[in-house]
PDB file of N, CA and C in Angstrom:
ATOM      1  N   MET A   1       0.854  -1.175   0.000  1.00  0.00           N
ATOM      2  CA  MET A   1       0.000   0.000   0.000  1.00  0.00           C
ATOM      3  C   MET A   1       0.896   1.233   0.000  1.00  0.00           C
ATOM      4  N   ASP A   2       0.746   2.091  -0.977  1.00  0.00           N
ATOM      5  CA  ASP A   2       1.495   3.342  -1.062  1.00  0.00           C
ATOM      6  C   ASP A   2       0.614   4.477  -0.569  1.00  0.00           C
ATOM      7  N   ILE A   3       0.921   4.998   0.601  1.00  0.00           N
ATOM      8  CA  ILE A   3       0.136   6.087   1.188  1.00  0.00           C
ATOM      9  C   ILE A   3       0.499   7.396   0.495  1.00  0.00           C
ATOM     10  N   LEU A   4      -0.535   8.144   0.100  1.00  0.00           N
ATOM     11  CA  LEU A   4      -0.332   9.476  -0.469  1.00  0.00           C
ATOM     12  C   LEU A   4      -0.410  10.522   0.629  1.00  0.00           C
ATOM     13  N   TYR A   5      -1.483  10.450   1.439  1.00  0.00           N
ATOM     14  CA  TYR A   5      -1.621  11.361   2.571  1.00  0.00           C
ATOM     15  C   TYR A   5      -2.620  10.785   3.564  1.00  0.00           C
ATOM     16  N   ILE A   6      -2.644  11.388   4.756  1.00  0.00           N
ATOM     17  CA  ILE A   6      -3.534  10.968   5.833  1.00  0.00           C
ATOM     18  C   ILE A   6      -4.285  12.198   6.310  1.00  0.00           C
ATOM     19  N   GLU A   7      -5.571  12.038   6.531  1.00  0.00           N
ATOM     20  CA  GLU A   7      -6.421  13.153   6.947  1.00  0.00           C
ATOM     21  C   GLU A   7      -7.102  12.828   8.271  1.00  0.00           C
ATOM     22  N   ALA A   8      -7.142  13.789   9.189  1.00  0.00           N
ATOM     23  CA  ALA A   8      -7.860  13.630  10.449  1.00  0.00           C
ATOM     24  C   ALA A   8      -9.353  13.783  10.185  1.00  0.00           C
ATOM     25  N   ASP A   9     -10.154  12.958  10.848  1.00  0.00           N
ATOM     26  CA  ASP A   9     -11.611  13.018  10.718  1.00  0.00           C
ATOM     27  C   ASP A   9     -12.215  12.709  12.087  1.00  0.00           C
ATOM     28  N   ARG A  10     -12.268  13.707  12.934  1.00  0.00           N
ATOM     29  CA  ARG A  10     -12.700  13.587  14.330  1.00  0.00           C
ATOM     30  C   ARG A  10     -11.854  12.537  15.046  1.00  0.00           C
ATOM     31  N   ASN A  11     -12.449  11.471  15.551  1.00  0.00           N
ATOM     32  CA  ASN A  11     -11.694  10.425  16.245  1.00  0.00           C
ATOM     33  C   ASN A  11     -11.244   9.316  15.298  1.00  0.00           C
ATOM     34  N   TYR A  12     -11.295   9.581  14.026  1.00  0.00           N
ATOM     35  CA  TYR A  12     -10.884   8.628  13.006  1.00  0.00           C
ATOM     36  C   TYR A  12      -9.756   9.246  12.180  1.00  0.00           C
ATOM     37  N   SER A  13      -9.157   8.416  11.364  1.00  0.00           N
ATOM     38  CA  SER A  13      -8.151   8.877  10.413  1.00  0.00           C
ATOM     39  C   SER A  13      -8.460   8.251   9.065  1.00  0.00           C
ATOM     40  N   ARG A  14      -8.315   9.032   8.016  1.00  0.00           N
ATOM     41  CA  ARG A  14      -8.502   8.533   6.652  1.00  0.00           C
ATOM     42  C   ARG A  14      -7.140   8.451   5.991  1.00  0.00           C
ATOM     43  N   ILE A  15      -6.840   7.278   5.468  1.00  0.00           N
ATOM     44  CA  ILE A  15      -5.582   7.066   4.753  1.00  0.00           C
ATOM     45  C   ILE A  15      -5.919   6.951   3.273  1.00  0.00           C
ATOM     46  N   PHE A  16      -5.272   7.770   2.467  1.00  0.00           N
ATOM     47  CA  PHE A  16      -5.520   7.794   1.031  1.00  0.00           C
ATOM     48  C   PHE A  16      -4.339   7.181   0.291  1.00  0.00           C
ATOM     49  N   THR A  17      -4.648   6.237  -0.590  1.00  0.00           N
ATOM     50  CA  THR A  17      -3.649   5.631  -1.463  1.00  0.00           C
ATOM     51  C   THR A  17      -4.087   5.893  -2.898  1.00  0.00           C
ATOM     52  N   ARG A  18      -3.306   5.445  -3.845  1.00  0.00           N
ATOM     53  CA  ARG A  18      -3.689   5.616  -5.256  1.00  0.00           C
ATOM     54  C   ARG A  18      -4.934   4.805  -5.603  1.00  0.00           C
ATOM     55  N   GLU A  19      -5.091   3.673  -4.955  1.00  0.00           N
ATOM     56  CA  GLU A  19      -6.184   2.764  -5.289  1.00  0.00           C
ATOM     57  C   GLU A  19      -7.427   2.929  -4.431  1.00  0.00           C
ATOM     58  N   LYS A  20      -7.257   3.327  -3.161  1.00  0.00           N
ATOM     59  CA  LYS A  20      -8.364   3.235  -2.232  1.00  0.00           C
ATOM     60  C   LYS A  20      -8.210   4.217  -1.075  1.00  0.00           C
ATOM     61  N   GLU A  21      -9.315   4.437  -0.372  1.00  0.00           N
ATOM     62  CA  GLU A  21      -9.332   5.244   0.850  1.00  0.00           C
ATOM     63  C   GLU A  21      -9.713   4.331   2.012  1.00  0.00           C
ATOM     64  N   TYR A  22      -8.995   4.470   3.132  1.00  0.00           N
ATOM     65  CA  TYR A  22      -9.243   3.639   4.305  1.00  0.00           C
ATOM     66  C   TYR A  22      -9.649   4.525   5.471  1.00  0.00           C
ATOM     67  N   LEU A  23     -10.682   4.121   6.191  1.00  0.00           N
ATOM     68  CA  LEU A  23     -11.115   4.830   7.386  1.00  0.00           C
ATOM     69  C   LEU A  23     -10.750   3.975   8.592  1.00  0.00           C
ATOM     70  N   LEU A  24      -9.908   4.530   9.474  1.00  0.00           N
ATOM     71  CA  LEU A  24      -9.440   3.795  10.644  1.00  0.00           C
ATOM     72  C   LEU A  24      -9.992   4.425  11.913  1.00  0.00           C
ATOM     73  N   SER A  25     -10.331   3.586  12.880  1.00  0.00           N
ATOM     74  CA  SER A  25     -10.809   4.098  14.167  1.00  0.00           C
ATOM     75  C   SER A  25      -9.621   4.308  15.103  1.00  0.00           C
ATOM     76  N   VAL A  26      -8.657   5.062  14.607  1.00  0.00           N
ATOM     77  CA  VAL A  26      -7.440   5.410  15.338  1.00  0.00           C
ATOM     78  C   VAL A  26      -7.291   6.923  15.232  1.00  0.00           C
ATOM     79  N   THR A  27      -6.905   7.560  16.327  1.00  0.00           N
ATOM     80  CA  THR A  27      -6.773   9.013  16.291  1.00  0.00           C
ATOM     81  C   THR A  27      -5.591   9.432  15.416  1.00  0.00           C
ATOM     82  N   PHE A  28      -5.687  10.617  14.912  1.00  0.00           N
ATOM     83  CA  PHE A  28      -4.652  11.194  14.054  1.00  0.00           C
ATOM     84  C   PHE A  28      -3.323  11.262  14.798  1.00  0.00           C
ATOM     85  N   LYS A  29      -3.374  11.686  16.042  1.00  0.00           N
ATOM     86  CA  LYS A  29      -2.163  11.796  16.860  1.00  0.00           C
ATOM     87  C   LYS A  29      -1.494  10.438  17.044  1.00  0.00           C
ATOM     88  N   ASN A  30      -2.289   9.399  17.254  1.00  0.00           N
ATOM     89  CA  ASN A  30      -1.748   8.053  17.425  1.00  0.00           C
ATOM     90  C   ASN A  30      -1.037   7.581  16.162  1.00  0.00           C
ATOM     91  N   ILE A  31      -1.638   7.839  15.010  1.00  0.00           N
ATOM     92  CA  ILE A  31      -1.002   7.463  13.741  1.00  0.00           C
ATOM     93  C   ILE A  31       0.281   8.257  13.543  1.00  0.00           C
ATOM     94  N   GLU A  32       0.226   9.557  13.816  1.00  0.00           N
ATOM     95  CA  GLU A  32       1.392  10.413  13.624  1.00  0.00           C
ATOM     96  C   GLU A  32       2.585   9.921  14.450  1.00  0.00           C
ATOM     97  N   GLU A  33       2.345   9.480  15.658  1.00  0.00           N
ATOM     98  CA  GLU A  33       3.416   9.004  16.536  1.00  0.00           C
ATOM     99  C   GLU A  33       4.082   7.731  16.017  1.00  0.00           C
ATOM    100  N   LYS A  34       3.369   6.955  15.215  1.00  0.00           N
ATOM    101  CA  LYS A  34       3.885   5.669  14.738  1.00  0.00           C
ATOM    102  C   LYS A  34       4.548   5.738  13.363  1.00  0.00           C
ATOM    103  N   LEU A  35       4.399   6.846  12.669  1.00  0.00           N
ATOM    104  CA  LEU A  35       4.952   6.970  11.319  1.00  0.00           C
ATOM    105  C   LEU A  35       6.438   7.319  11.367  1.00  0.00           C
ATOM    106  N   PRO A  36       7.234   6.775  10.430  1.00  0.00           N
ATOM    107  CA  PRO A  36       8.653   7.144  10.381  1.00  0.00           C
ATOM    108  C   PRO A  36       8.809   8.598   9.931  1.00  0.00           C
ATOM    109  N   GLN A  37       9.446   9.408  10.756  1.00  0.00           N
ATOM    110  CA  GLN A  37       9.533  10.855  10.544  1.00  0.00           C
ATOM    111  C   GLN A  37      10.215  11.307   9.257  1.00  0.00           C
ATOM    112  N   PRO A  38      11.253  10.679   8.785  1.00  0.00           N
ATOM    113  CA  PRO A  38      11.840  11.239   7.558  1.00  0.00           C
ATOM    114  C   PRO A  38      10.928  11.115   6.340  1.00  0.00           C
ATOM    115  N   PHE A  39       9.948  10.223   6.402  1.00  0.00           N
ATOM    116  CA  PHE A  39       9.113   9.954   5.232  1.00  0.00           C
ATOM    117  C   PHE A  39       7.729  10.587   5.310  1.00  0.00           C
ATOM    118  N   PHE A  40       7.288  10.968   6.486  1.00  0.00           N
ATOM    119  CA  PHE A  40       5.964  11.568   6.677  1.00  0.00           C
ATOM    120  C   PHE A  40       6.114  12.877   7.434  1.00  0.00           C
ATOM    121  N   MET A  41       5.296  13.858   7.052  1.00  0.00           N
ATOM    122  CA  MET A  41       5.365  15.156   7.716  1.00  0.00           C
ATOM    123  C   MET A  41       3.966  15.737   7.858  1.00  0.00           C
ATOM    124  N   ARG A  42       3.689  16.272   9.046  1.00  0.00           N
ATOM    125  CA  ARG A  42       2.411  16.945   9.284  1.00  0.00           C
ATOM    126  C   ARG A  42       2.511  18.352   8.721  1.00  0.00           C
ATOM    127  N   ILE A  43       1.631  18.677   7.776  1.00  0.00           N
ATOM    128  CA  ILE A  43       1.685  19.986   7.121  1.00  0.00           C
ATOM    129  C   ILE A  43       0.536  20.899   7.547  1.00  0.00           C
ATOM    130  N   HIS A  44      -0.412  20.347   8.294  1.00  0.00           N
ATOM    131  CA  HIS A  44      -1.599  21.076   8.717  1.00  0.00           C
ATOM    132  C   HIS A  44      -2.141  20.337   9.925  1.00  0.00           C
ATOM    133  N   CYS A  45      -3.026  20.961  10.685  1.00  0.00           N
ATOM    134  CA  CYS A  45      -3.562  20.271  11.864  1.00  0.00           C
ATOM    135  C   CYS A  45      -4.352  19.016  11.490  1.00  0.00           C
ATOM    136  N   SER A  46      -4.755  18.891  10.245  1.00  0.00           N
ATOM    137  CA  SER A  46      -5.549  17.737   9.815  1.00  0.00           C
ATOM    138  C   SER A  46      -4.908  16.888   8.730  1.00  0.00           C
ATOM    139  N   TYR A  47      -3.662  17.172   8.334  1.00  0.00           N
ATOM    140  CA  TYR A  47      -3.056  16.437   7.223  1.00  0.00           C
ATOM    141  C   TYR A  47      -1.608  16.037   7.484  1.00  0.00           C
ATOM    142  N   ILE A  48      -1.298  14.815   7.105  1.00  0.00           N
ATOM    143  CA  ILE A  48       0.073  14.306   7.059  1.00  0.00           C
ATOM    144  C   ILE A  48       0.317  13.871   5.624  1.00  0.00           C
ATOM    145  N   VAL A  49       1.441  14.247   5.065  1.00  0.00           N
ATOM    146  CA  VAL A  49       1.768  13.863   3.692  1.00  0.00           C
ATOM    147  C   VAL A  49       3.025  13.010   3.668  1.00  0.00           C
ATOM    148  N   VAL A  50       3.174  12.270   2.570  1.00  0.00           N
ATOM    149  CA  VAL A  50       4.378  11.484   2.342  1.00  0.00           C
ATOM    150  C   VAL A  50       5.379  12.398   1.651  1.00  0.00           C
ATOM    151  N   CYS A  51       6.545  12.550   2.237  1.00  0.00           N
ATOM    152  CA  CYS A  51       7.543  13.483   1.700  1.00  0.00           C
ATOM    153  C   CYS A  51       8.035  13.083   0.315  1.00  0.00           C
ATOM    154  N   LEU A  52       8.012  11.815  -0.015  1.00  0.00           N
ATOM    155  CA  LEU A  52       8.499  11.349  -1.312  1.00  0.00           C
ATOM    156  C   LEU A  52       7.623  11.836  -2.456  1.00  0.00           C
ATOM    157  N   ASN A  53       6.388  12.237  -2.161  1.00  0.00           N
ATOM    158  CA  ASN A  53       5.454  12.691  -3.198  1.00  0.00           C
ATOM    159  C   ASN A  53       5.459  14.206  -3.373  1.00  0.00           C
ATOM    160  N   TRP A  54       6.323  14.897  -2.670  1.00  0.00           N
ATOM    161  CA  TRP A  54       6.317  16.359  -2.692  1.00  0.00           C
ATOM    162  C   TRP A  54       6.743  16.947  -4.019  1.00  0.00           C
ATOM    163  N   MET A  55       6.142  18.061  -4.313  1.00  0.00           N
ATOM    164  CA  MET A  55       6.586  18.902  -5.413  1.00  0.00           C
ATOM    165  C   MET A  55       7.090  20.193  -4.774  1.00  0.00           C
ATOM    166  N   PRO A  56       7.963  20.908  -5.455  1.00  0.00           N
ATOM    167  CA  PRO A  56       8.407  22.191  -4.903  1.00  0.00           C
ATOM    168  C   PRO A  56       7.224  23.150  -4.750  1.00  0.00           C
ATOM    169  N   LEU A  57       7.156  23.845  -3.605  1.00  0.00           N
ATOM    170  CA  LEU A  57       6.063  24.771  -3.326  1.00  0.00           C
ATOM    171  C   LEU A  57       6.605  26.162  -3.034  1.00  0.00           C
ATOM    172  N   ILE A  58       5.787  27.157  -3.339  1.00  0.00           N
ATOM    173  CA  ILE A  58       6.124  28.542  -3.015  1.00  0.00           C
ATOM    174  C   ILE A  58       5.026  29.076  -2.098  1.00  0.00           C
ATOM    175  N   ASN A  59       5.428  29.710  -0.993  1.00  0.00           N
ATOM    176  CA  ASN A  59       4.486  30.355  -0.104  1.00  0.00           C
ATOM    177  C   ASN A  59       4.006  31.634  -0.779  1.00  0.00           C
ATOM    178  N   THR A  60       2.714  31.712  -1.100  1.00  0.00           N
ATOM    179  CA  THR A  60       2.201  32.849  -1.852  1.00  0.00           C
ATOM    180  C   THR A  60       1.589  33.927  -0.966  1.00  0.00           C
ATOM    181  N   TYR A  61       0.673  33.559  -0.101  1.00  0.00           N
ATOM    182  CA  TYR A  61       0.001  34.556   0.703  1.00  0.00           C
ATOM    183  C   TYR A  61      -0.725  33.903   1.861  1.00  0.00           C
ATOM    184  N   ASN A  62      -0.548  34.448   3.025  1.00  0.00           N
ATOM    185  CA  ASN A  62      -1.340  34.060   4.184  1.00  0.00           C
ATOM    186  C   ASN A  62      -1.331  32.544   4.449  1.00  0.00           C
ATOM    187  N   GLY A  63      -0.157  31.901   4.275  1.00  0.00           N
ATOM    188  CA  GLY A  63      -0.059  30.469   4.528  1.00  0.00           C
ATOM    189  C   GLY A  63      -0.510  29.591   3.383  1.00  0.00           C
ATOM    190  N   LEU A  64      -0.838  30.190   2.231  1.00  0.00           N
ATOM    191  CA  LEU A  64      -1.231  29.395   1.063  1.00  0.00           C
ATOM    192  C   LEU A  64      -0.005  29.116   0.211  1.00  0.00           C
ATOM    193  N   TYR A  65      -0.004  27.973  -0.449  1.00  0.00           N
ATOM    194  CA  TYR A  65       1.137  27.554  -1.268  1.00  0.00           C
ATOM    195  C   TYR A  65       0.669  27.200  -2.665  1.00  0.00           C
ATOM    196  N   ARG A  66       1.613  27.294  -3.611  1.00  0.00           N
ATOM    197  CA  ARG A  66       1.321  26.828  -4.976  1.00  0.00           C
ATOM    198  C   ARG A  66       2.515  26.011  -5.467  1.00  0.00           C
ATOM    199  N   CYS A  67       2.223  25.069  -6.361  1.00  0.00           N
ATOM    200  CA  CYS A  67       3.271  24.210  -6.922  1.00  0.00           C
ATOM    201  C   CYS A  67       4.069  24.969  -7.955  1.00  0.00           C
ATOM    202  N   LEU A  68       5.343  24.635  -8.041  1.00  0.00           N
ATOM    203  CA  LEU A  68       6.199  25.220  -9.068  1.00  0.00           C
ATOM    204  C   LEU A  68       6.037  24.483 -10.370  1.00  0.00           C
TER     205      LEU A  68
END
């Protein structure tokens, strides 16, 4: 399973892959603590992304970003 990103959903977490979406009854914080840090990064209070999938971003305005 190749994770693209993880989203917080109240007391659940949604894991998104290329093929499917998974809903887990595990808190976002619990998942974050178990992920290997060099490969996953929390970018928002509700999102964790896989660093390997990153594109270069530019901070444009008020915390918003755009892809290069």
